[in-house]
Amino acid sequence: MVKTFNSYFQFLKKEKLIPESLEAGKLKGGSVPIYPLEQTYADRLLLCGDAAGFINPISGGGVHFAMCSGENAATVISNAFKNDNFESSFLSKYQQMWMEEFGKEIRTFARFVNIWLRHAERLVKIVSKDNRLIDIAAKFLYGDIRIRDYRGKIMAYYIQDRIKDALGLL
């Protein structure tokens, strides 16, 4: 891991994407949260992307959430400068914005992860035998669709397949 990091760091210098004089510090890492933080703002602070826990815990993806939360943060910060107000009560608009934009999707992921952890083998067995669910899962994992737009279909297909499984038809 350190070798890869150093190689990438040197590449960034060579491409003049970071200053030549910049030194690589000690490599540190941590786990990415699978649920968003309860509060993503404070006085003079907004958290976006992975730092706020905006990831898809199933695929590990989060670029879409990072970009959306970054745009929302930029809007709120711009207004904070205009109003010379960086208090958490003013910056709380940021949390309202991301909640409206993708909060439901994040909550859906959280519910799905809880189900997945309890019934992973059963879910894999059912999904692997239903081309409709395979197609939805692939599109979802690659970020082509939002899970909340397919929630009803997924539940209907899953219930149908559970009945077939119980009757020994799968």
N, C-alpha and C. Protein backbone atom coordinates (compact mmCIF):
# COMPACT_ATOMS: atom_id res chain seq x y z
N MET A 1 0.82 -1.19 0.00
CA MET A 1 0.00 0.00 0.00
C MET A 1 0.87 1.26 0.00
N VAL A 2 1.91 1.28 0.81
CA VAL A 2 2.79 2.45 0.88
C VAL A 2 3.47 2.67 -0.46
N LYS A 3 3.91 1.59 -1.11
CA LYS A 3 4.58 1.69 -2.41
C LYS A 3 3.62 2.31 -3.45
N THR A 4 2.39 1.87 -3.45
CA THR A 4 1.39 2.40 -4.39
C THR A 4 1.13 3.87 -4.12
N PHE A 5 1.00 4.23 -2.85
CA PHE A 5 0.76 5.62 -2.49
C PHE A 5 1.93 6.50 -2.95
N ASN A 6 3.16 6.08 -2.67
CA ASN A 6 4.34 6.86 -3.06
C ASN A 6 4.44 6.99 -4.58
N SER A 7 4.12 5.93 -5.29
CA SER A 7 4.14 5.98 -6.75
C SER A 7 3.11 6.99 -7.26
N TYR A 8 1.94 6.96 -6.70
CA TYR A 8 0.89 7.90 -7.10
C TYR A 8 1.29 9.33 -6.75
N PHE A 9 1.88 9.52 -5.60
CA PHE A 9 2.33 10.84 -5.15
C PHE A 9 3.36 11.41 -6.13
N GLN A 10 4.30 10.57 -6.55
CA GLN A 10 5.32 11.00 -7.51
C GLN A 10 4.70 11.33 -8.88
N PHE A 11 3.71 10.54 -9.26
CA PHE A 11 3.00 10.81 -10.51
C PHE A 11 2.33 12.18 -10.46
N LEU A 12 1.68 12.50 -9.36
CA LEU A 12 1.03 13.80 -9.21
C LEU A 12 2.03 14.94 -9.32
N LYS A 13 3.22 14.77 -8.74
CA LYS A 13 4.27 15.79 -8.86
C LYS A 13 4.72 15.93 -10.31
N LYS A 14 4.97 14.80 -10.96
CA LYS A 14 5.43 14.80 -12.34
C LYS A 14 4.44 15.51 -13.26
N GLU A 15 3.16 15.29 -13.01
CA GLU A 15 2.11 15.91 -13.83
C GLU A 15 1.80 17.35 -13.39
N LYS A 16 2.54 17.81 -12.38
CA LYS A 16 2.37 19.17 -11.84
C LYS A 16 0.97 19.42 -11.29
N LEU A 17 0.41 18.36 -10.71
CA LEU A 17 -0.90 18.47 -10.07
C LEU A 17 -0.77 18.83 -8.60
N ILE A 18 0.41 18.62 -8.06
CA ILE A 18 0.74 19.06 -6.70
C ILE A 18 2.12 19.71 -6.76
N PRO A 19 2.44 20.59 -5.82
CA PRO A 19 3.75 21.27 -5.85
C PRO A 19 4.91 20.28 -5.73
N GLU A 20 5.96 20.55 -6.47
CA GLU A 20 7.17 19.72 -6.45
C GLU A 20 7.77 19.65 -5.05
N SER A 21 7.64 20.74 -4.27
CA SER A 21 8.23 20.80 -2.94
C SER A 21 7.41 20.05 -1.88
N LEU A 22 6.20 19.62 -2.22
CA LEU A 22 5.35 18.93 -1.26
C LEU A 22 5.94 17.56 -0.91
N GLU A 23 5.99 17.27 0.38
CA GLU A 23 6.52 15.98 0.85
C GLU A 23 5.36 15.07 1.27
N ALA A 24 5.50 13.81 0.98
CA ALA A 24 4.50 12.83 1.41
C ALA A 24 4.63 12.61 2.90
N GLY A 25 3.54 12.69 3.59
CA GLY A 25 3.55 12.43 5.03
C GLY A 25 3.39 10.95 5.31
N LYS A 26 3.24 10.64 6.55
CA LYS A 26 3.04 9.26 6.95
C LYS A 26 1.66 8.81 6.46
N LEU A 27 1.61 7.65 5.83
CA LEU A 27 0.37 7.11 5.31
C LEU A 27 -0.50 6.62 6.45
N LYS A 28 -1.72 7.10 6.48
CA LYS A 28 -2.68 6.68 7.50
C LYS A 28 -3.98 6.32 6.81
N GLY A 29 -4.73 5.49 7.41
CA GLY A 29 -6.01 5.10 6.83
C GLY A 29 -7.03 4.81 7.91
N GLY A 30 -8.21 4.62 7.48
CA GLY A 30 -9.28 4.30 8.40
C GLY A 30 -10.45 3.71 7.64
N SER A 31 -11.41 3.23 8.36
CA SER A 31 -12.56 2.64 7.70
C SER A 31 -13.53 3.75 7.28
N VAL A 32 -14.23 3.48 6.22
CA VAL A 32 -15.24 4.41 5.73
C VAL A 32 -16.56 4.05 6.42
N PRO A 33 -17.25 5.03 6.97
CA PRO A 33 -18.51 4.72 7.64
C PRO A 33 -19.55 4.21 6.65
N ILE A 34 -20.42 3.30 7.10
CA ILE A 34 -21.45 2.79 6.21
C ILE A 34 -22.79 3.49 6.42
N TYR A 35 -22.86 4.38 7.37
CA TYR A 35 -24.05 5.19 7.59
C TYR A 35 -23.61 6.64 7.68
N PRO A 36 -24.45 7.56 7.23
CA PRO A 36 -24.08 8.97 7.36
C PRO A 36 -24.07 9.41 8.82
N LEU A 37 -23.27 10.41 9.09
CA LEU A 37 -23.25 10.97 10.43
C LEU A 37 -24.60 11.58 10.75
N GLU A 38 -24.95 11.60 12.01
CA GLU A 38 -26.22 12.17 12.43
C GLU A 38 -26.29 13.66 12.11
N GLN A 39 -25.17 14.35 12.25
CA GLN A 39 -25.11 15.77 11.95
C GLN A 39 -23.87 16.05 11.12
N THR A 40 -24.06 16.67 9.97
CA THR A 40 -22.96 16.90 9.04
C THR A 40 -22.55 18.37 8.97
N TYR A 41 -22.88 19.11 9.99
CA TYR A 41 -22.53 20.53 10.05
C TYR A 41 -22.24 20.91 11.50
N ALA A 42 -21.50 21.98 11.66
CA ALA A 42 -21.21 22.57 12.97
C ALA A 42 -20.78 24.01 12.69
N ASP A 43 -20.44 24.75 13.72
CA ASP A 43 -19.92 26.10 13.50
C ASP A 43 -18.71 26.01 12.57
N ARG A 44 -18.74 26.73 11.47
CA ARG A 44 -17.64 26.83 10.51
C ARG A 44 -17.23 25.49 9.89
N LEU A 45 -18.16 24.53 9.80
CA LEU A 45 -17.81 23.20 9.31
C LEU A 45 -18.97 22.55 8.58
N LEU A 46 -18.68 22.00 7.39
CA LEU A 46 -19.61 21.14 6.66
C LEU A 46 -18.83 19.91 6.22
N LEU A 47 -19.39 18.74 6.41
CA LEU A 47 -18.74 17.50 5.99
C LEU A 47 -19.43 16.96 4.74
N CYS A 48 -18.64 16.56 3.76
CA CYS A 48 -19.15 16.07 2.48
C CYS A 48 -18.59 14.68 2.19
N GLY A 49 -19.21 14.00 1.25
CA GLY A 49 -18.69 12.73 0.74
C GLY A 49 -18.43 11.70 1.82
N ASP A 50 -17.31 10.99 1.67
CA ASP A 50 -16.95 9.93 2.62
C ASP A 50 -16.85 10.43 4.05
N ALA A 51 -16.37 11.67 4.22
CA ALA A 51 -16.20 12.22 5.57
C ALA A 51 -17.53 12.30 6.31
N ALA A 52 -18.62 12.45 5.56
CA ALA A 52 -19.94 12.52 6.17
C ALA A 52 -20.63 11.15 6.20
N GLY A 53 -19.99 10.16 5.57
CA GLY A 53 -20.58 8.82 5.53
C GLY A 53 -21.51 8.62 4.35
N PHE A 54 -21.35 9.44 3.30
CA PHE A 54 -22.22 9.35 2.13
C PHE A 54 -21.66 8.34 1.13
N ILE A 55 -21.86 7.07 1.41
CA ILE A 55 -21.38 6.04 0.49
C ILE A 55 -22.47 4.99 0.31
N ASN A 56 -22.31 4.23 -0.73
CA ASN A 56 -23.15 3.06 -0.95
C ASN A 56 -22.43 1.91 -0.26
N PRO A 57 -22.94 1.44 0.87
CA PRO A 57 -22.23 0.40 1.63
C PRO A 57 -22.18 -0.94 0.92
N ILE A 58 -22.96 -1.10 -0.13
CA ILE A 58 -22.97 -2.36 -0.85
C ILE A 58 -21.86 -2.38 -1.90
N SER A 59 -21.74 -1.30 -2.66
CA SER A 59 -20.73 -1.25 -3.73
C SER A 59 -19.47 -0.51 -3.32
N GLY A 60 -19.56 0.31 -2.26
CA GLY A 60 -18.42 1.13 -1.86
C GLY A 60 -18.34 2.43 -2.63
N GLY A 61 -19.25 2.62 -3.57
CA GLY A 61 -19.25 3.84 -4.38
C GLY A 61 -19.78 5.02 -3.60
N GLY A 62 -19.44 6.19 -4.06
CA GLY A 62 -19.95 7.38 -3.39
C GLY A 62 -19.65 8.66 -4.14
N VAL A 63 -19.16 8.55 -5.37
CA VAL A 63 -18.80 9.75 -6.12
C VAL A 63 -20.03 10.64 -6.32
N HIS A 64 -21.14 10.03 -6.68
CA HIS A 64 -22.37 10.82 -6.89
C HIS A 64 -22.73 11.60 -5.62
N PHE A 65 -22.72 10.91 -4.49
CA PHE A 65 -23.06 11.58 -3.22
C PHE A 65 -22.04 12.66 -2.88
N ALA A 66 -20.77 12.39 -3.15
CA ALA A 66 -19.73 13.37 -2.87
C ALA A 66 -19.93 14.63 -3.72
N MET A 67 -20.23 14.43 -4.99
CA MET A 67 -20.43 15.58 -5.88
C MET A 67 -21.67 16.38 -5.46
N CYS A 68 -22.76 15.69 -5.20
CA CYS A 68 -23.99 16.38 -4.79
C CYS A 68 -23.80 17.12 -3.47
N SER A 69 -23.17 16.45 -2.50
CA SER A 69 -22.97 17.10 -1.20
C SER A 69 -21.99 18.27 -1.33
N GLY A 70 -21.00 18.14 -2.22
CA GLY A 70 -20.07 19.25 -2.46
C GLY A 70 -20.77 20.46 -3.06
N GLU A 71 -21.67 20.21 -4.01
CA GLU A 71 -22.44 21.31 -4.60
C GLU A 71 -23.33 21.98 -3.54
N ASN A 72 -23.98 21.15 -2.74
CA ASN A 72 -24.83 21.70 -1.68
C ASN A 72 -24.01 22.52 -0.69
N ALA A 73 -22.84 22.00 -0.32
CA ALA A 73 -21.97 22.72 0.62
C ALA A 73 -21.53 24.05 0.02
N ALA A 74 -21.18 24.04 -1.27
CA ALA A 74 -20.74 25.27 -1.93
C ALA A 74 -21.84 26.33 -1.90
N THR A 75 -23.07 25.91 -2.14
CA THR A 75 -24.20 26.84 -2.10
C THR A 75 -24.36 27.44 -0.71
N VAL A 76 -24.32 26.59 0.30
CA VAL A 76 -24.49 27.07 1.68
C VAL A 76 -23.33 27.96 2.09
N ILE A 77 -22.11 27.57 1.73
CA ILE A 77 -20.93 28.38 2.10
C ILE A 77 -20.98 29.74 1.41
N SER A 78 -21.39 29.75 0.15
CA SER A 78 -21.53 31.03 -0.56
C SER A 78 -22.51 31.95 0.16
N ASN A 79 -23.63 31.38 0.58
CA ASN A 79 -24.62 32.17 1.33
C ASN A 79 -24.08 32.59 2.69
N ALA A 80 -23.26 31.74 3.30
CA ALA A 80 -22.66 32.08 4.60
C ALA A 80 -21.74 33.29 4.45
N PHE A 81 -20.97 33.33 3.37
CA PHE A 81 -20.11 34.49 3.12
C PHE A 81 -20.94 35.75 2.88
N LYS A 82 -21.99 35.62 2.09
CA LYS A 82 -22.85 36.77 1.79
C LYS A 82 -23.49 37.34 3.05
N ASN A 83 -23.81 36.44 3.99
CA ASN A 83 -24.48 36.85 5.23
C ASN A 83 -23.52 36.99 6.40
N ASP A 84 -22.24 36.70 6.15
CA ASP A 84 -21.22 36.74 7.20
C ASP A 84 -21.71 35.97 8.44
N ASN A 85 -22.20 34.75 8.17
CA ASN A 85 -22.75 33.93 9.24
C ASN A 85 -22.29 32.49 9.03
N PHE A 86 -21.42 32.02 9.91
CA PHE A 86 -20.87 30.67 9.81
C PHE A 86 -21.26 29.82 11.02
N GLU A 87 -22.33 30.21 11.68
CA GLU A 87 -22.81 29.46 12.84
C GLU A 87 -23.57 28.23 12.38
N SER A 88 -23.58 27.22 13.23
CA SER A 88 -24.21 25.96 12.86
C SER A 88 -25.69 26.14 12.52
N SER A 89 -26.37 27.07 13.19
CA SER A 89 -27.78 27.28 12.90
C SER A 89 -27.98 27.73 11.44
N PHE A 90 -27.05 28.52 10.91
CA PHE A 90 -27.12 28.96 9.52
C PHE A 90 -26.68 27.84 8.57
N LEU A 91 -25.63 27.13 8.93
CA LEU A 91 -25.08 26.07 8.08
C LEU A 91 -25.95 24.80 8.07
N SER A 92 -26.91 24.72 8.97
CA SER A 92 -27.78 23.54 9.03
C SER A 92 -28.58 23.36 7.75
N LYS A 93 -28.73 24.40 6.96
CA LYS A 93 -29.42 24.31 5.67
C LYS A 93 -28.76 23.24 4.80
N TYR A 94 -27.46 23.05 4.96
CA TYR A 94 -26.72 22.04 4.19
C TYR A 94 -27.32 20.65 4.42
N GLN A 95 -27.56 20.30 5.68
CA GLN A 95 -28.11 18.98 5.98
C GLN A 95 -29.50 18.83 5.38
N GLN A 96 -30.30 19.87 5.43
CA GLN A 96 -31.63 19.82 4.83
C GLN A 96 -31.52 19.57 3.33
N MET A 97 -30.55 20.22 2.69
CA MET A 97 -30.39 20.08 1.24
C MET A 97 -30.01 18.66 0.84
N TRP A 98 -29.00 18.07 1.51
CA TRP A 98 -28.61 16.72 1.10
C TRP A 98 -29.67 15.70 1.48
N MET A 99 -30.37 15.95 2.58
CA MET A 99 -31.45 15.03 2.96
C MET A 99 -32.54 15.01 1.89
N GLU A 100 -32.88 16.18 1.36
CA GLU A 100 -33.89 16.25 0.30
C GLU A 100 -33.39 15.61 -0.99
N GLU A 101 -32.11 15.79 -1.30
CA GLU A 101 -31.58 15.32 -2.56
C GLU A 101 -31.30 13.82 -2.59
N PHE A 102 -30.66 13.28 -1.54
CA PHE A 102 -30.33 11.85 -1.58
C PHE A 102 -30.45 11.16 -0.22
N GLY A 103 -31.07 11.81 0.74
CA GLY A 103 -31.24 11.21 2.06
C GLY A 103 -32.06 9.93 2.05
N LYS A 104 -33.12 9.89 1.24
CA LYS A 104 -33.95 8.68 1.16
C LYS A 104 -33.15 7.51 0.63
N GLU A 105 -32.30 7.79 -0.34
CA GLU A 105 -31.49 6.72 -0.91
C GLU A 105 -30.50 6.18 0.12
N ILE A 106 -29.90 7.07 0.88
CA ILE A 106 -28.97 6.65 1.95
C ILE A 106 -29.71 5.80 2.98
N ARG A 107 -30.91 6.22 3.36
CA ARG A 107 -31.70 5.44 4.33
C ARG A 107 -32.06 4.06 3.76
N THR A 108 -32.36 4.02 2.45
CA THR A 108 -32.66 2.73 1.81
C THR A 108 -31.45 1.81 1.89
N PHE A 109 -30.26 2.35 1.64
CA PHE A 109 -29.05 1.55 1.76
C PHE A 109 -28.91 0.99 3.17
N ALA A 110 -29.16 1.82 4.17
CA ALA A 110 -29.02 1.38 5.56
C ALA A 110 -29.96 0.23 5.86
N ARG A 111 -31.20 0.34 5.41
CA ARG A 111 -32.16 -0.75 5.63
C ARG A 111 -31.72 -2.01 4.89
N PHE A 112 -31.25 -1.84 3.66
CA PHE A 112 -30.82 -2.99 2.87
C PHE A 112 -29.63 -3.68 3.51
N VAL A 113 -28.68 -2.91 4.02
CA VAL A 113 -27.51 -3.50 4.67
C VAL A 113 -27.94 -4.34 5.87
N ASN A 114 -28.89 -3.85 6.64
CA ASN A 114 -29.37 -4.62 7.79
C ASN A 114 -30.00 -5.94 7.35
N ILE A 115 -30.78 -5.91 6.27
CA ILE A 115 -31.38 -7.13 5.74
C ILE A 115 -30.28 -8.04 5.19
N TRP A 116 -29.36 -7.45 4.43
CA TRP A 116 -28.28 -8.21 3.82
C TRP A 116 -27.47 -8.96 4.86
N LEU A 117 -27.14 -8.30 5.95
CA LEU A 117 -26.32 -8.94 6.98
C LEU A 117 -27.02 -10.14 7.61
N ARG A 118 -28.34 -10.12 7.67
CA ARG A 118 -29.09 -11.24 8.26
C ARG A 118 -29.39 -12.35 7.26
N HIS A 119 -29.54 -12.00 5.97
CA HIS A 119 -30.04 -12.97 4.99
C HIS A 119 -29.20 -13.02 3.71
N ALA A 120 -27.91 -12.82 3.81
CA ALA A 120 -27.06 -12.71 2.62
C ALA A 120 -27.17 -13.93 1.70
N GLU A 121 -27.05 -15.12 2.25
CA GLU A 121 -27.08 -16.32 1.40
C GLU A 121 -28.41 -16.46 0.68
N ARG A 122 -29.49 -16.24 1.39
CA ARG A 122 -30.82 -16.36 0.78
C ARG A 122 -31.00 -15.32 -0.32
N LEU A 123 -30.56 -14.08 -0.07
CA LEU A 123 -30.68 -13.02 -1.07
C LEU A 123 -29.87 -13.33 -2.32
N VAL A 124 -28.66 -13.82 -2.14
CA VAL A 124 -27.82 -14.16 -3.30
C VAL A 124 -28.46 -15.29 -4.09
N LYS A 125 -28.99 -16.28 -3.41
CA LYS A 125 -29.64 -17.40 -4.08
C LYS A 125 -30.83 -16.93 -4.91
N ILE A 126 -31.65 -16.10 -4.33
CA ILE A 126 -32.84 -15.63 -5.05
C ILE A 126 -32.47 -14.71 -6.20
N VAL A 127 -31.61 -13.74 -5.94
CA VAL A 127 -31.23 -12.78 -6.98
C VAL A 127 -30.53 -13.48 -8.13
N SER A 128 -29.68 -14.44 -7.83
CA SER A 128 -28.90 -15.12 -8.89
C SER A 128 -29.77 -15.93 -9.83
N LYS A 129 -31.00 -16.22 -9.44
CA LYS A 129 -31.89 -17.02 -10.29
C LYS A 129 -32.96 -16.18 -10.98
N ASP A 130 -32.87 -14.86 -10.87
CA ASP A 130 -33.87 -13.99 -11.47
C ASP A 130 -33.18 -12.90 -12.28
N ASN A 131 -33.25 -13.02 -13.60
CA ASN A 131 -32.57 -12.08 -14.48
C ASN A 131 -33.03 -10.65 -14.28
N ARG A 132 -34.29 -10.46 -13.88
CA ARG A 132 -34.77 -9.09 -13.63
C ARG A 132 -34.00 -8.48 -12.46
N LEU A 133 -33.83 -9.25 -11.39
CA LEU A 133 -33.11 -8.75 -10.22
C LEU A 133 -31.62 -8.61 -10.50
N ILE A 134 -31.06 -9.51 -11.29
CA ILE A 134 -29.64 -9.40 -11.66
C ILE A 134 -29.42 -8.09 -12.42
N ASP A 135 -30.30 -7.78 -13.36
CA ASP A 135 -30.18 -6.56 -14.15
C ASP A 135 -30.27 -5.32 -13.26
N ILE A 136 -31.23 -5.31 -12.36
CA ILE A 136 -31.38 -4.16 -11.46
C ILE A 136 -30.16 -4.04 -10.55
N ALA A 137 -29.69 -5.17 -10.01
CA ALA A 137 -28.53 -5.13 -9.12
C ALA A 137 -27.29 -4.61 -9.84
N ALA A 138 -27.08 -5.05 -11.08
CA ALA A 138 -25.90 -4.59 -11.84
C ALA A 138 -25.99 -3.09 -12.12
N LYS A 139 -27.14 -2.62 -12.53
CA LYS A 139 -27.31 -1.19 -12.81
C LYS A 139 -27.14 -0.37 -11.54
N PHE A 140 -27.64 -0.91 -10.44
CA PHE A 140 -27.53 -0.22 -9.16
C PHE A 140 -26.08 -0.15 -8.70
N LEU A 141 -25.37 -1.28 -8.79
CA LEU A 141 -23.98 -1.30 -8.33
C LEU A 141 -23.07 -0.39 -9.15
N TYR A 142 -23.39 -0.22 -10.43
CA TYR A 142 -22.58 0.64 -11.28
C TYR A 142 -23.08 2.08 -11.32
N GLY A 143 -24.08 2.38 -10.51
CA GLY A 143 -24.55 3.75 -10.39
C GLY A 143 -25.43 4.23 -11.53
N ASP A 144 -25.95 3.30 -12.34
CA ASP A 144 -26.80 3.71 -13.45
C ASP A 144 -28.23 4.04 -13.03
N ILE A 145 -28.64 3.53 -11.87
CA ILE A 145 -30.00 3.79 -11.39
C ILE A 145 -29.95 4.13 -9.90
N ARG A 146 -31.03 4.73 -9.44
CA ARG A 146 -31.18 4.99 -8.01
C ARG A 146 -32.08 3.90 -7.44
N ILE A 147 -31.68 3.32 -6.35
CA ILE A 147 -32.41 2.20 -5.77
C ILE A 147 -33.84 2.58 -5.40
N ARG A 148 -34.04 3.82 -4.97
CA ARG A 148 -35.39 4.22 -4.55
C ARG A 148 -36.37 4.23 -5.71
N ASP A 149 -35.87 4.41 -6.95
CA ASP A 149 -36.76 4.40 -8.11
C ASP A 149 -37.23 2.99 -8.46
N TYR A 150 -36.54 1.98 -7.95
CA TYR A 150 -36.86 0.59 -8.25
C TYR A 150 -37.32 -0.18 -7.02
N ARG A 151 -37.49 0.50 -5.91
CA ARG A 151 -37.83 -0.17 -4.66
C ARG A 151 -39.07 -1.06 -4.79
N GLY A 152 -40.14 -0.53 -5.41
CA GLY A 152 -41.37 -1.30 -5.57
C GLY A 152 -41.18 -2.54 -6.41
N LYS A 153 -40.48 -2.40 -7.55
CA LYS A 153 -40.23 -3.55 -8.42
C LYS A 153 -39.38 -4.60 -7.70
N ILE A 154 -38.36 -4.13 -7.01
CA ILE A 154 -37.48 -5.08 -6.31
C ILE A 154 -38.28 -5.86 -5.28
N MET A 155 -39.10 -5.17 -4.51
CA MET A 155 -39.90 -5.87 -3.49
C MET A 155 -40.86 -6.86 -4.14
N ALA A 156 -41.51 -6.46 -5.24
CA ALA A 156 -42.46 -7.36 -5.92
C ALA A 156 -41.73 -8.60 -6.45
N TYR A 157 -40.58 -8.39 -7.12
CA TYR A 157 -39.81 -9.52 -7.65
C TYR A 157 -39.33 -10.41 -6.51
N TYR A 158 -38.86 -9.79 -5.44
CA TYR A 158 -38.34 -10.55 -4.30
C TYR A 158 -39.44 -11.41 -3.67
N ILE A 159 -40.62 -10.83 -3.48
CA ILE A 159 -41.74 -11.57 -2.89
C ILE A 159 -42.14 -12.73 -3.80
N GLN A 160 -42.22 -12.47 -5.11
CA GLN A 160 -42.54 -13.54 -6.05
C GLN A 160 -41.52 -14.67 -5.93
N ASP A 161 -40.26 -14.31 -5.90
CA ASP A 161 -39.21 -15.32 -5.84
C ASP A 161 -39.19 -16.05 -4.51
N ARG A 162 -39.52 -15.37 -3.41
CA ARG A 162 -39.60 -16.05 -2.10
C ARG A 162 -40.72 -17.09 -2.12
N ILE A 163 -41.84 -16.75 -2.76
CA ILE A 163 -42.95 -17.70 -2.85
C ILE A 163 -42.52 -18.91 -3.70
N LYS A 164 -41.87 -18.63 -4.84
CA LYS A 164 -41.38 -19.72 -5.69
C LYS A 164 -40.39 -20.59 -4.94
N ASP A 165 -39.50 -19.96 -4.17
CA ASP A 165 -38.51 -20.69 -3.39
C ASP A 165 -39.18 -21.58 -2.35
N ALA A 166 -40.20 -21.03 -1.67
CA ALA A 166 -40.91 -21.79 -0.65
C ALA A 166 -41.65 -22.98 -1.26
N LEU A 167 -42.11 -22.83 -2.50
CA LEU A 167 -42.82 -23.91 -3.17
C LEU A 167 -41.89 -24.87 -3.91
N GLY A 168 -40.59 -24.59 -3.83
CA GLY A 168 -39.58 -25.43 -4.48
C GLY A 168 -39.52 -25.24 -5.98
N LEU A 169 -39.99 -24.10 -6.47
CA LEU A 169 -39.99 -23.82 -7.91
C LEU A 169 -38.73 -23.09 -8.36
N LEU A 170 -37.88 -22.68 -7.47
CA LEU A 170 -36.63 -22.00 -7.85
C LEU A 170 -35.49 -22.98 -7.90
